[in-house]
């Protein structure tokens, strides 16, 4: 991801990501959270957003079929995975 982020900017980055994802067709609801426990500052006082830090949930409505999915870091696989919920 690489976006600069800190504890003070994480909320606005979450909101921007939600607004961006909500532009996609069929998306009815979206929430994004950045795991603040994973944030660490560099020499300049901020860190970089990584895929493993993101917890996202979406609700999709395609022609009346509604599906919910969640993106979350899988510690066993060491990879952020999307799952239907």
Protein backbone atom coordinates (compact mmCIF):
# COMPACT_ATOMS: atom_id res chain seq x y z
CA UNK A 1 0.00 0.00 0.00
CA UNK A 2 2.70 2.43 1.09
CA UNK A 3 0.42 5.33 2.08
CA UNK A 4 1.85 7.38 4.95
CA UNK A 5 -0.27 6.94 8.10
CA UNK A 6 -0.11 7.78 11.79
CA UNK A 7 -2.45 7.46 14.74
CA UNK A 8 -3.72 10.97 14.06
CA UNK A 9 -4.41 10.37 10.34
CA UNK A 10 -5.67 6.75 10.43
CA UNK A 11 -9.33 7.82 10.78
CA UNK A 12 -9.28 10.10 7.76
CA UNK A 13 -7.50 7.41 5.69
CA UNK A 14 -10.18 4.88 6.68
CA UNK A 15 -12.89 7.32 5.61
CA UNK A 16 -11.18 8.03 2.27
CA UNK A 17 -10.86 4.30 1.57
CA UNK A 18 -14.55 3.76 2.40
CA UNK A 19 -15.61 6.57 0.08
CA UNK A 20 -13.39 5.25 -2.70
CA UNK A 21 -14.65 1.66 -2.41
CA UNK A 22 -18.26 2.85 -2.26
CA UNK A 23 -17.86 4.22 -5.81
CA UNK A 24 -17.69 0.66 -7.16
CA UNK A 25 -20.86 -0.67 -8.79
CA UNK A 26 -23.15 -2.78 -6.58
CA UNK A 27 -21.46 -1.79 -3.30
CA UNK A 28 -24.21 -0.99 -0.80
CA UNK A 29 -22.17 -0.72 2.38
CA UNK A 30 -18.48 -0.62 3.26
CA UNK A 31 -16.44 -0.19 6.40
CA UNK A 32 -12.67 0.00 6.69
CA UNK A 33 -10.58 -0.16 9.83
CA UNK A 34 -6.84 0.18 10.20
CA UNK A 35 -5.44 -1.95 13.01
CA UNK A 36 -3.82 0.75 15.09
CA UNK A 37 -1.83 -1.83 17.10
CA UNK A 38 0.16 -2.51 13.92
CA UNK A 39 1.04 1.13 13.31
CA UNK A 40 4.61 2.08 14.06
CA UNK A 41 6.37 5.38 13.57
CA UNK A 42 9.52 5.86 11.55
CA UNK A 43 12.14 8.51 12.17
CA UNK A 44 9.74 11.18 10.82
CA UNK A 45 6.81 10.24 13.07
CA UNK A 46 4.61 8.18 10.77
CA UNK A 47 4.44 4.69 9.29
CA UNK A 48 3.28 3.11 6.04
CA UNK A 49 -0.05 1.41 5.46
CA UNK A 50 0.32 -2.31 4.77
CA UNK A 51 -2.32 -4.76 3.56
CA UNK A 52 -2.04 -6.69 6.81
CA UNK A 53 -3.28 -3.64 8.74
CA UNK A 54 -6.60 -3.37 6.91
CA UNK A 55 -9.87 -4.88 8.07
CA UNK A 56 -12.60 -4.17 5.54
CA UNK A 57 -16.16 -5.32 5.17
CA UNK A 58 -18.42 -4.85 2.14
CA UNK A 59 -22.01 -5.60 1.28
CA UNK A 60 -22.70 -6.17 -2.42
CA UNK A 61 -26.15 -6.21 -4.04
CA UNK A 62 -26.09 -7.62 -7.56
CA UNK A 63 -29.48 -8.08 -9.17
CA UNK A 64 -31.10 -8.70 -5.80
CA UNK A 65 -28.48 -11.14 -4.57
CA UNK A 66 -26.81 -9.77 -1.46
CA UNK A 67 -23.36 -10.93 -0.39
CA UNK A 68 -21.19 -9.75 2.47
CA UNK A 69 -17.43 -10.19 2.55
CA UNK A 70 -14.64 -9.36 4.95
CA UNK A 71 -10.96 -8.70 4.27
CA UNK A 72 -8.68 -9.47 7.19
CA UNK A 73 -5.09 -10.52 7.72
CA UNK A 74 -4.71 -14.28 8.11
CA UNK A 75 -1.84 -14.81 10.54
CA UNK A 76 -1.50 -18.48 9.59
CA UNK A 77 -1.14 -17.76 5.87
CA UNK A 78 0.57 -14.40 6.50
CA UNK A 79 -1.64 -12.77 3.89
CA UNK A 80 -4.75 -10.54 3.86
CA UNK A 81 -7.67 -12.71 2.67
CA UNK A 82 -11.22 -11.88 1.62
CA UNK A 83 -13.91 -14.24 2.92
CA UNK A 84 -17.63 -14.42 2.34
CA UNK A 85 -19.53 -13.98 5.58
